[in-house]
Every structure is written in C-alpha cells, then in structure tokens.
C-alpha cells in the first residue's frame, strides 16, 4: 500500500512539472507567439489643417477657432465621409464637432440622456440631448449634411445652442 501511495505522489509531482517542462521546450524550439486579438482599424485620418481635412472628406466645413475655453487640437477626416475637429480645454474637457453627408447622426455618442429638446435656428432644427440641464450632444441638419457637437464633461444647452448657431451662420455664408 505504501508503494502505491509513493508511486501516486511521484506521478502527481511529474504531472505538475510537465506543463513547465513542455513550455520551456516550446519556447526553445522557437514556436510562434500566441495569437493576439485584433481591434477594428481606425478609419480617421489625422490632418494638419482644416483644409487638409476638407480635401480628404470631399466637402468643406467652416468651424469655430475656439469653443469657450477650448482650442482646436486635432483635425481629422474619414475620407469621403466625415470631418471632425477636437477641441481640448485646460480643464480637460473635450468637445468634438463633426459634419457628415446625409441625415444620420455623426456624433458617435450613444449615451442615454434623460432630456431631449429642440430649437430652430435659420431653418435648422437643433436637437439637444441632455441630463440635468447639461448637454452631452447637439445634432442638426444643414444643406444635405448632419452636424454634431459632443462634450465629454457636458456643457449648458445655452453654450451648445450658441456654438451650433454660429456654425450654422458661418456655413450659410459660403
């Protein structure tokens, strides 16, 4: 009986060491690394200027130079599909303004908001999505395109309205 116990313990010890020994042999044999997951490719092209983003997108977009205390940090485009300007503030807020052809919401913001309201400016109905009177996104259509403003930290509906109104006015003048 003692011999059977000793044999069983020895076999268990060998079984515990086997994976370690096998892994070392695989490593020394130069086996291929384990496969890694691959994410979706980033469709955006970083641009040095608004003109470059307009050229890539295939349409123009007149934008605000600054949004409250935020300055434009990045221009991007999805070729033939969208223009985006990303504004960053010293406090860390990030504002994104986008324009895309068609009637689909280009914001990329799929949050659920408790409040939804609309206001018409120069024939464009701007829809505000907010929670607690803080606007997360505003969306409107103009001239065959849809535009959006999103704020990571949320802004007042009044600030979103003023920015959207200014963008509508600037682009109507073209």
N, C-alpha and C. Protein backbone atom coordinates (compact mmCIF):
# COMPACT_ATOMS: atom_id res chain seq x y z
N UNK A 1 0.81 -1.19 0.00
CA UNK A 1 0.00 0.00 0.00
C UNK A 1 0.86 1.26 0.00
N UNK A 2 1.99 1.19 0.80
CA UNK A 2 2.90 2.33 0.84
C UNK A 2 3.53 2.56 -0.52
N UNK A 3 3.83 1.51 -1.25
CA UNK A 3 4.43 1.64 -2.57
C UNK A 3 3.47 2.29 -3.54
N UNK A 4 2.18 1.98 -3.43
CA UNK A 4 1.18 2.59 -4.31
C UNK A 4 1.06 4.08 -4.00
N UNK A 5 1.07 4.47 -2.73
CA UNK A 5 0.98 5.88 -2.34
C UNK A 5 2.20 6.65 -2.87
N UNK A 6 3.39 6.05 -2.70
CA UNK A 6 4.61 6.71 -3.17
C UNK A 6 4.58 6.88 -4.69
N UNK A 7 4.11 5.87 -5.39
CA UNK A 7 4.02 5.94 -6.85
C UNK A 7 3.02 7.02 -7.27
N UNK A 8 1.89 7.07 -6.59
CA UNK A 8 0.86 8.07 -6.91
C UNK A 8 1.39 9.47 -6.67
N UNK A 9 2.08 9.69 -5.56
CA UNK A 9 2.64 11.01 -5.26
C UNK A 9 3.68 11.39 -6.31
N UNK A 10 4.54 10.43 -6.69
CA UNK A 10 5.55 10.69 -7.71
C UNK A 10 4.91 11.06 -9.04
N UNK A 11 3.84 10.35 -9.43
CA UNK A 11 3.14 10.66 -10.69
C UNK A 11 2.50 12.04 -10.64
N UNK A 12 1.90 12.39 -9.51
CA UNK A 12 1.31 13.72 -9.37
C UNK A 12 2.38 14.82 -9.47
N UNK A 13 3.53 14.60 -8.88
CA UNK A 13 4.61 15.57 -8.96
C UNK A 13 5.09 15.73 -10.40
N UNK A 14 5.21 14.61 -11.11
CA UNK A 14 5.62 14.69 -12.52
C UNK A 14 4.56 15.40 -13.36
N UNK A 15 3.31 15.13 -13.08
CA UNK A 15 2.22 15.79 -13.82
C UNK A 15 2.24 17.30 -13.59
N UNK A 16 2.56 17.71 -12.37
CA UNK A 16 2.62 19.13 -12.06
C UNK A 16 3.78 19.81 -12.78
N UNK A 17 4.88 19.11 -12.96
CA UNK A 17 6.05 19.69 -13.63
C UNK A 17 5.95 19.63 -15.15
N UNK A 18 5.18 18.74 -15.69
CA UNK A 18 5.11 18.52 -17.13
C UNK A 18 4.78 19.79 -17.92
N UNK A 19 3.76 20.57 -17.53
CA UNK A 19 3.47 21.78 -18.33
C UNK A 19 4.65 22.74 -18.37
N UNK A 20 5.36 22.89 -17.26
CA UNK A 20 6.51 23.79 -17.21
C UNK A 20 7.61 23.31 -18.15
N UNK A 21 7.90 22.04 -18.13
CA UNK A 21 8.93 21.47 -19.00
C UNK A 21 8.51 21.59 -20.46
N UNK A 22 7.24 21.32 -20.76
CA UNK A 22 6.73 21.39 -22.13
C UNK A 22 6.82 22.82 -22.65
N UNK A 23 6.48 23.81 -21.80
CA UNK A 23 6.53 25.22 -22.21
C UNK A 23 7.96 25.64 -22.52
N UNK A 24 8.91 25.17 -21.71
CA UNK A 24 10.31 25.52 -21.97
C UNK A 24 10.78 24.94 -23.29
N UNK A 25 10.35 23.70 -23.59
CA UNK A 25 10.74 23.08 -24.85
C UNK A 25 10.15 23.86 -26.02
N UNK A 26 8.89 24.27 -25.91
CA UNK A 26 8.23 25.03 -26.97
C UNK A 26 8.96 26.36 -27.20
N UNK A 27 9.31 27.02 -26.10
CA UNK A 27 9.97 28.32 -26.20
C UNK A 27 11.33 28.17 -26.87
N UNK A 28 12.08 27.16 -26.46
CA UNK A 28 13.39 26.97 -27.05
C UNK A 28 13.31 26.48 -28.49
N UNK A 29 12.20 25.86 -28.86
CA UNK A 29 12.04 25.37 -30.23
C UNK A 29 11.65 26.50 -31.18
N UNK A 30 11.41 27.72 -30.65
CA UNK A 30 11.09 28.87 -31.50
C UNK A 30 9.67 28.84 -32.02
N UNK A 31 8.75 28.38 -31.21
CA UNK A 31 7.36 28.32 -31.67
C UNK A 31 6.79 29.73 -31.83
N UNK A 32 5.76 29.83 -32.60
CA UNK A 32 5.12 31.12 -32.87
C UNK A 32 4.44 31.63 -31.61
N UNK A 33 4.40 32.96 -31.42
CA UNK A 33 3.73 33.51 -30.25
C UNK A 33 2.23 33.25 -30.32
N UNK A 34 1.61 33.28 -29.16
CA UNK A 34 0.17 33.07 -29.10
C UNK A 34 -0.54 34.17 -29.88
N UNK A 35 -1.64 33.84 -30.56
CA UNK A 35 -2.37 34.87 -31.31
C UNK A 35 -2.92 35.93 -30.38
N UNK A 36 -2.94 37.17 -30.86
CA UNK A 36 -3.49 38.27 -30.08
C UNK A 36 -4.73 38.80 -30.78
N UNK A 37 -5.62 39.36 -29.98
CA UNK A 37 -6.84 39.89 -30.59
C UNK A 37 -6.51 41.14 -31.40
N UNK A 38 -7.26 41.35 -32.44
CA UNK A 38 -7.06 42.49 -33.32
C UNK A 38 -8.33 43.32 -33.29
N UNK A 39 -8.18 44.63 -33.04
CA UNK A 39 -9.33 45.52 -32.99
C UNK A 39 -9.67 46.05 -34.37
N UNK A 40 -10.73 46.83 -34.41
CA UNK A 40 -11.15 47.45 -35.66
C UNK A 40 -10.16 48.55 -36.04
N UNK A 41 -9.87 48.67 -37.29
CA UNK A 41 -8.94 49.70 -37.77
C UNK A 41 -9.54 51.08 -37.56
N UNK A 42 -8.71 52.05 -37.22
CA UNK A 42 -9.16 53.42 -37.04
C UNK A 42 -9.42 54.03 -38.42
N UNK A 43 -10.66 54.44 -38.70
CA UNK A 43 -10.96 54.98 -40.03
C UNK A 43 -10.53 56.44 -40.22
N UNK A 44 -10.18 57.12 -39.12
CA UNK A 44 -9.85 58.53 -39.19
C UNK A 44 -8.43 58.77 -39.70
N UNK A 45 -8.30 59.82 -40.49
CA UNK A 45 -7.00 60.29 -40.97
C UNK A 45 -6.73 61.61 -40.25
N UNK A 46 -5.63 61.67 -39.51
CA UNK A 46 -5.25 62.93 -38.86
C UNK A 46 -4.79 63.92 -39.93
N UNK A 47 -5.19 65.16 -39.76
CA UNK A 47 -4.87 66.20 -40.75
C UNK A 47 -4.18 67.37 -40.07
N UNK A 48 -3.31 68.04 -40.80
CA UNK A 48 -2.57 69.17 -40.25
C UNK A 48 -3.39 70.45 -40.22
N UNK A 49 -4.44 70.49 -41.04
CA UNK A 49 -5.25 71.71 -41.12
C UNK A 49 -6.67 71.35 -41.50
N UNK A 50 -7.54 72.33 -41.34
CA UNK A 50 -8.92 72.14 -41.76
C UNK A 50 -8.99 71.93 -43.27
N UNK A 51 -8.19 72.65 -44.02
CA UNK A 51 -8.18 72.49 -45.48
C UNK A 51 -7.83 71.05 -45.87
N UNK A 52 -6.86 70.47 -45.19
CA UNK A 52 -6.48 69.08 -45.48
C UNK A 52 -7.62 68.12 -45.13
N UNK A 53 -8.32 68.38 -44.01
CA UNK A 53 -9.46 67.54 -43.63
C UNK A 53 -10.59 67.68 -44.65
N UNK A 54 -10.83 68.91 -45.12
CA UNK A 54 -11.87 69.13 -46.13
C UNK A 54 -11.54 68.39 -47.42
N UNK A 55 -10.29 68.44 -47.82
CA UNK A 55 -9.87 67.74 -49.04
C UNK A 55 -10.07 66.23 -48.91
N UNK A 56 -9.70 65.68 -47.75
CA UNK A 56 -9.86 64.24 -47.53
C UNK A 56 -11.34 63.84 -47.50
N UNK A 57 -12.16 64.67 -46.87
CA UNK A 57 -13.58 64.36 -46.75
C UNK A 57 -14.34 64.62 -48.05
N UNK A 58 -13.85 65.56 -48.85
CA UNK A 58 -14.51 65.87 -50.11
C UNK A 58 -15.59 66.93 -49.99
N UNK A 59 -15.61 67.64 -48.87
CA UNK A 59 -16.56 68.75 -48.69
C UNK A 59 -15.96 69.75 -47.71
N UNK A 60 -16.52 70.96 -47.67
CA UNK A 60 -15.97 71.99 -46.79
C UNK A 60 -16.78 72.10 -45.50
N UNK A 61 -16.18 72.76 -44.51
CA UNK A 61 -16.82 72.93 -43.21
C UNK A 61 -16.15 74.10 -42.50
N UNK A 62 -16.88 75.16 -42.32
CA UNK A 62 -16.35 76.31 -41.61
C UNK A 62 -16.59 76.07 -40.11
N UNK A 63 -15.51 76.17 -39.32
CA UNK A 63 -15.57 75.85 -37.89
C UNK A 63 -15.18 77.02 -37.02
N UNK A 64 -15.54 76.92 -35.76
CA UNK A 64 -15.13 77.89 -34.76
C UNK A 64 -13.64 77.70 -34.48
N UNK A 65 -12.91 78.81 -34.34
CA UNK A 65 -11.49 78.70 -33.98
C UNK A 65 -11.32 78.22 -32.55
N UNK A 66 -12.26 78.62 -31.70
CA UNK A 66 -12.23 78.21 -30.29
C UNK A 66 -13.66 77.97 -29.84
N UNK A 67 -13.81 77.14 -28.84
CA UNK A 67 -15.12 76.84 -28.27
C UNK A 67 -14.99 77.05 -26.77
N UNK A 68 -15.58 78.16 -26.29
CA UNK A 68 -15.42 78.56 -24.89
C UNK A 68 -13.93 78.64 -24.58
N UNK A 69 -13.45 77.85 -23.61
CA UNK A 69 -12.02 77.88 -23.27
C UNK A 69 -11.25 76.76 -23.97
N UNK A 70 -11.85 76.17 -24.98
CA UNK A 70 -11.23 75.07 -25.71
C UNK A 70 -10.68 75.55 -27.05
N UNK A 71 -9.50 75.09 -27.39
CA UNK A 71 -8.89 75.40 -28.68
C UNK A 71 -8.80 74.11 -29.50
N UNK A 72 -8.85 74.25 -30.82
CA UNK A 72 -8.75 73.07 -31.69
C UNK A 72 -7.38 72.44 -31.52
N UNK A 73 -7.38 71.16 -31.24
CA UNK A 73 -6.14 70.41 -31.10
C UNK A 73 -5.90 69.49 -32.29
N UNK A 74 -6.99 68.98 -32.86
CA UNK A 74 -6.87 67.97 -33.90
C UNK A 74 -7.94 68.16 -34.96
N UNK A 75 -7.53 68.05 -36.21
CA UNK A 75 -8.47 67.94 -37.33
C UNK A 75 -8.35 66.51 -37.84
N UNK A 76 -9.48 65.88 -38.10
CA UNK A 76 -9.44 64.52 -38.64
C UNK A 76 -10.54 64.39 -39.69
N UNK A 77 -10.37 63.39 -40.52
CA UNK A 77 -11.39 63.11 -41.54
C UNK A 77 -11.47 61.61 -41.74
N UNK A 78 -12.65 61.16 -42.06
CA UNK A 78 -12.82 59.83 -42.62
C UNK A 78 -13.01 60.11 -44.10
N UNK A 79 -12.07 59.68 -44.94
CA UNK A 79 -12.14 60.05 -46.35
C UNK A 79 -13.52 59.81 -46.96
N UNK A 80 -14.01 60.87 -47.60
CA UNK A 80 -15.30 60.90 -48.30
C UNK A 80 -16.51 60.70 -47.37
N UNK A 81 -16.29 60.79 -46.02
CA UNK A 81 -17.40 60.51 -45.10
C UNK A 81 -17.60 61.53 -43.99
N UNK A 82 -16.54 62.11 -43.43
CA UNK A 82 -16.73 62.95 -42.25
C UNK A 82 -15.53 63.85 -42.01
N UNK A 83 -15.83 65.02 -41.41
CA UNK A 83 -14.80 65.93 -40.88
C UNK A 83 -15.05 66.03 -39.38
N UNK A 84 -13.96 66.04 -38.61
CA UNK A 84 -14.07 66.18 -37.16
C UNK A 84 -13.00 67.15 -36.67
N UNK A 85 -13.39 68.03 -35.75
CA UNK A 85 -12.44 68.89 -35.05
C UNK A 85 -12.57 68.56 -33.57
N UNK A 86 -11.43 68.36 -32.91
CA UNK A 86 -11.44 68.06 -31.49
C UNK A 86 -10.84 69.25 -30.76
N UNK A 87 -11.63 69.80 -29.84
CA UNK A 87 -11.22 70.94 -29.04
C UNK A 87 -10.93 70.42 -27.63
N UNK A 88 -9.80 70.85 -27.05
CA UNK A 88 -9.46 70.47 -25.68
C UNK A 88 -9.31 71.73 -24.84
N UNK A 89 -9.72 71.63 -23.58
CA UNK A 89 -9.56 72.76 -22.67
C UNK A 89 -8.48 72.45 -21.64
N UNK A 90 -8.04 73.48 -20.96
CA UNK A 90 -7.05 73.30 -19.89
C UNK A 90 -7.64 72.51 -18.74
N UNK A 91 -8.96 72.53 -18.59
CA UNK A 91 -9.62 71.78 -17.52
C UNK A 91 -9.83 70.32 -17.88
N UNK A 92 -9.53 69.96 -19.12
CA UNK A 92 -9.63 68.56 -19.52
C UNK A 92 -10.87 68.20 -20.31
N UNK A 93 -11.79 69.15 -20.52
CA UNK A 93 -12.98 68.82 -21.31
C UNK A 93 -12.57 68.63 -22.77
N UNK A 94 -13.33 67.83 -23.45
CA UNK A 94 -13.08 67.57 -24.87
C UNK A 94 -14.38 67.79 -25.62
N UNK A 95 -14.35 68.69 -26.58
CA UNK A 95 -15.51 68.99 -27.42
C UNK A 95 -15.19 68.48 -28.82
N UNK A 96 -16.14 67.78 -29.43
CA UNK A 96 -15.96 67.29 -30.80
C UNK A 96 -17.07 67.87 -31.65
N UNK A 97 -16.67 68.43 -32.78
CA UNK A 97 -17.64 68.93 -33.75
C UNK A 97 -17.43 68.14 -35.03
N UNK A 98 -18.52 67.57 -35.55
CA UNK A 98 -18.44 66.72 -36.74
C UNK A 98 -19.46 67.13 -37.79
N UNK A 99 -19.11 66.83 -39.04
CA UNK A 99 -20.02 67.04 -40.17
C UNK A 99 -19.88 65.84 -41.09
N UNK A 100 -21.04 65.31 -41.53
CA UNK A 100 -21.04 64.16 -42.43
C UNK A 100 -22.21 64.30 -43.40
N UNK A 101 -22.07 63.79 -44.62
CA UNK A 101 -23.19 63.85 -45.57
C UNK A 101 -24.33 62.94 -45.11
N UNK A 102 -25.55 63.36 -45.46
CA UNK A 102 -26.73 62.55 -45.14
C UNK A 102 -27.44 63.00 -43.89
N UNK A 103 -28.35 62.15 -43.42
CA UNK A 103 -29.19 62.50 -42.28
C UNK A 103 -28.89 61.70 -41.02
N UNK A 104 -27.86 60.85 -41.04
CA UNK A 104 -27.53 60.06 -39.85
C UNK A 104 -26.71 60.88 -38.86
N UNK A 105 -26.92 60.65 -37.58
CA UNK A 105 -26.19 61.32 -36.50
C UNK A 105 -24.72 60.91 -36.56
N UNK A 106 -23.80 61.86 -36.82
CA UNK A 106 -22.38 61.51 -36.93
C UNK A 106 -21.63 61.55 -35.60
N UNK A 107 -22.31 61.86 -34.49
CA UNK A 107 -21.63 62.13 -33.22
C UNK A 107 -20.84 60.97 -32.64
N UNK A 108 -21.30 59.75 -32.85
CA UNK A 108 -20.65 58.60 -32.22
C UNK A 108 -20.99 58.50 -30.74
N UNK A 109 -21.90 59.33 -30.27
CA UNK A 109 -22.32 59.36 -28.86
C UNK A 109 -23.59 58.53 -28.72
N UNK A 110 -23.49 57.40 -28.03
CA UNK A 110 -24.64 56.52 -27.86
C UNK A 110 -25.13 56.49 -26.41
N UNK A 111 -24.77 57.53 -25.64
CA UNK A 111 -25.24 57.62 -24.26
C UNK A 111 -26.75 57.82 -24.23
N UNK A 112 -27.33 57.47 -23.10
CA UNK A 112 -28.77 57.67 -22.90
C UNK A 112 -28.94 58.94 -22.08
N UNK A 113 -29.73 59.85 -22.61
CA UNK A 113 -29.97 61.13 -21.95
C UNK A 113 -31.41 61.19 -21.46
N UNK A 114 -31.61 61.89 -20.36
CA UNK A 114 -32.95 61.98 -19.77
C UNK A 114 -33.79 63.10 -20.39
N UNK A 115 -33.14 64.04 -21.04
CA UNK A 115 -33.86 65.18 -21.61
C UNK A 115 -33.52 65.33 -23.09
N UNK A 116 -34.53 65.71 -23.85
CA UNK A 116 -34.36 65.97 -25.28
C UNK A 116 -35.20 67.19 -25.62
N UNK A 117 -34.57 68.17 -26.25
CA UNK A 117 -35.30 69.38 -26.64
C UNK A 117 -34.79 69.84 -28.00
N UNK A 118 -35.55 70.72 -28.64
CA UNK A 118 -35.18 71.21 -29.97
C UNK A 118 -35.39 72.71 -30.05
N UNK A 119 -34.61 73.32 -30.91
CA UNK A 119 -34.77 74.74 -31.21
C UNK A 119 -34.38 74.95 -32.66
N UNK A 120 -35.13 75.80 -33.37
CA UNK A 120 -34.85 76.06 -34.78
C UNK A 120 -34.04 77.35 -34.91
N UNK A 121 -32.95 77.26 -35.67
CA UNK A 121 -32.08 78.41 -35.94
C UNK A 121 -31.86 78.46 -37.45
N UNK A 122 -32.24 79.57 -38.06
CA UNK A 122 -32.08 79.77 -39.51
C UNK A 122 -32.54 78.56 -40.32
N UNK A 123 -33.69 78.03 -39.95
CA UNK A 123 -34.27 76.91 -40.68
C UNK A 123 -33.72 75.55 -40.32
N UNK A 124 -32.76 75.50 -39.42
CA UNK A 124 -32.16 74.22 -38.99
C UNK A 124 -32.67 73.87 -37.60
N UNK A 125 -33.26 72.70 -37.48
CA UNK A 125 -33.72 72.25 -36.15
C UNK A 125 -32.55 71.58 -35.43
N UNK A 126 -32.17 72.16 -34.29
CA UNK A 126 -31.08 71.61 -33.48
C UNK A 126 -31.73 70.82 -32.35
N UNK A 127 -31.33 69.56 -32.21
CA UNK A 127 -31.84 68.71 -31.13
C UNK A 127 -30.75 68.56 -30.09
N UNK A 128 -31.12 68.85 -28.84
CA UNK A 128 -30.19 68.78 -27.72
C UNK A 128 -30.51 67.55 -26.88
N UNK A 129 -29.48 66.81 -26.53
CA UNK A 129 -29.62 65.64 -25.68
C UNK A 129 -28.89 65.96 -24.38
N UNK A 130 -29.62 65.95 -23.27
CA UNK A 130 -29.05 66.40 -22.01
C UNK A 130 -29.51 65.53 -20.84
N UNK A 131 -28.81 65.70 -19.75
CA UNK A 131 -29.19 65.11 -18.47
C UNK A 131 -28.91 66.18 -17.42
N UNK A 132 -29.92 66.49 -16.63
CA UNK A 132 -29.74 67.51 -15.60
C UNK A 132 -29.37 68.86 -16.17
N UNK A 133 -29.95 69.24 -17.28
CA UNK A 133 -29.71 70.50 -17.98
C UNK A 133 -28.27 70.66 -18.47
N UNK A 134 -27.52 69.57 -18.53
CA UNK A 134 -26.18 69.59 -19.10
C UNK A 134 -26.20 68.82 -20.40
N UNK A 135 -25.84 69.49 -21.48
CA UNK A 135 -25.93 68.92 -22.82
C UNK A 135 -24.72 68.04 -23.13
N UNK A 136 -25.00 66.82 -23.54
CA UNK A 136 -23.94 65.90 -23.96
C UNK A 136 -23.72 65.97 -25.46
N UNK A 137 -24.83 66.21 -26.20
CA UNK A 137 -24.67 66.35 -27.65
C UNK A 137 -25.80 67.19 -28.23
N UNK A 138 -25.48 67.82 -29.35
CA UNK A 138 -26.45 68.57 -30.15
C UNK A 138 -26.27 68.10 -31.58
N UNK A 139 -27.38 67.90 -32.29
CA UNK A 139 -27.34 67.39 -33.66
C UNK A 139 -28.29 68.23 -34.51
N UNK A 140 -27.86 68.56 -35.75
CA UNK A 140 -28.73 69.28 -36.67
C UNK A 140 -28.36 68.95 -38.11
N UNK A 141 -29.31 69.22 -39.01
CA UNK A 141 -29.12 69.00 -40.46
C UNK A 141 -28.99 70.37 -41.13
N UNK A 142 -28.10 70.43 -42.12
CA UNK A 142 -27.99 71.67 -42.92
C UNK A 142 -27.43 71.32 -44.29
N UNK A 143 -28.15 71.69 -45.31
CA UNK A 143 -27.69 71.54 -46.68
C UNK A 143 -27.24 70.15 -47.08
N UNK A 144 -27.98 69.11 -46.71
CA UNK A 144 -27.63 67.75 -47.11
C UNK A 144 -26.59 67.08 -46.20
N UNK A 145 -26.24 67.74 -45.12
CA UNK A 145 -25.26 67.22 -44.16
C UNK A 145 -25.87 67.20 -42.77
N UNK A 146 -25.28 66.42 -41.89
CA UNK A 146 -25.66 66.42 -40.48
C UNK A 146 -24.43 66.78 -39.68
N UNK A 147 -24.63 67.67 -38.70
CA UNK A 147 -23.54 68.13 -37.85
C UNK A 147 -23.85 67.78 -36.40
N UNK A 148 -22.79 67.67 -35.61
CA UNK A 148 -22.98 67.39 -34.19
C UNK A 148 -21.91 68.06 -33.36
N UNK A 149 -22.28 68.35 -32.12
CA UNK A 149 -21.35 68.82 -31.11
C UNK A 149 -21.50 67.85 -29.94
N UNK A 150 -20.40 67.31 -29.45
CA UNK A 150 -20.45 66.48 -28.25
C UNK A 150 -19.45 67.02 -27.24
N UNK A 151 -19.80 66.85 -25.97
CA UNK A 151 -18.93 67.29 -24.88
C UNK A 151 -18.80 66.17 -23.87
N UNK A 152 -17.58 65.79 -23.60
CA UNK A 152 -17.33 64.71 -22.64
C UNK A 152 -17.81 65.11 -21.25
N UNK A 153 -17.54 66.35 -20.84
CA UNK A 153 -17.89 66.80 -19.49
C UNK A 153 -19.26 67.47 -19.43
N UNK A 154 -19.94 67.58 -20.54
CA UNK A 154 -21.26 68.20 -20.66
C UNK A 154 -21.15 69.72 -20.52
N UNK A 155 -21.88 70.42 -21.35
CA UNK A 155 -21.94 71.88 -21.33
C UNK A 155 -23.39 72.29 -21.20
N UNK A 156 -23.62 73.55 -20.95
CA UNK A 156 -25.01 74.01 -20.85
C UNK A 156 -25.65 73.98 -22.23
N UNK A 157 -26.95 73.82 -22.26
CA UNK A 157 -27.68 73.84 -23.52
C UNK A 157 -27.48 75.18 -24.21
N UNK A 158 -27.40 76.25 -23.42
CA UNK A 158 -27.20 77.59 -23.99
C UNK A 158 -25.87 77.68 -24.73
N UNK A 159 -24.80 77.12 -24.16
CA UNK A 159 -23.49 77.13 -24.83
C UNK A 159 -23.52 76.30 -26.11
N UNK A 160 -24.18 75.15 -26.06
CA UNK A 160 -24.29 74.30 -27.26
C UNK A 160 -25.10 75.03 -28.33
N UNK A 161 -26.17 75.70 -27.93
CA UNK A 161 -27.00 76.45 -28.88
C UNK A 161 -26.20 77.56 -29.54
N UNK A 162 -25.47 78.33 -28.76
CA UNK A 162 -24.67 79.44 -29.32
C UNK A 162 -23.62 78.93 -30.31
N UNK A 163 -22.97 77.82 -29.96
CA UNK A 163 -21.96 77.26 -30.86
C UNK A 163 -22.60 76.75 -32.15
N UNK A 164 -23.70 76.01 -32.02
CA UNK A 164 -24.38 75.49 -33.20
C UNK A 164 -24.88 76.64 -34.08
N UNK A 165 -25.45 77.65 -33.46
CA UNK A 165 -25.95 78.82 -34.20
C UNK A 165 -24.82 79.49 -34.98
N UNK A 166 -23.67 79.66 -34.34
CA UNK A 166 -22.52 80.29 -35.00
C UNK A 166 -22.04 79.43 -36.18
N UNK A 167 -21.98 78.10 -35.99
CA UNK A 167 -21.55 77.20 -37.07
C UNK A 167 -22.54 77.26 -38.23
N UNK A 168 -23.82 77.28 -37.92
CA UNK A 168 -24.85 77.37 -38.97
C UNK A 168 -24.68 78.68 -39.76
N UNK A 169 -24.49 79.78 -39.05
CA UNK A 169 -24.32 81.09 -39.70
C UNK A 169 -23.06 81.10 -40.58
N UNK A 170 -21.96 80.57 -40.06
CA UNK A 170 -20.69 80.57 -40.79
C UNK A 170 -20.80 79.74 -42.07
N UNK A 171 -21.50 78.63 -42.00
CA UNK A 171 -21.59 77.76 -43.16
C UNK A 171 -22.67 78.20 -44.15
N UNK A 172 -23.64 78.98 -43.71
CA UNK A 172 -24.66 79.51 -44.60
C UNK A 172 -24.08 80.59 -45.49
N UNK A 173 -23.06 81.28 -45.01
CA UNK A 173 -22.44 82.38 -45.76
C UNK A 173 -21.63 81.89 -46.94
N UNK A 174 -21.30 80.62 -46.99
CA UNK A 174 -20.45 80.08 -48.07
C UNK A 174 -21.21 79.93 -49.34
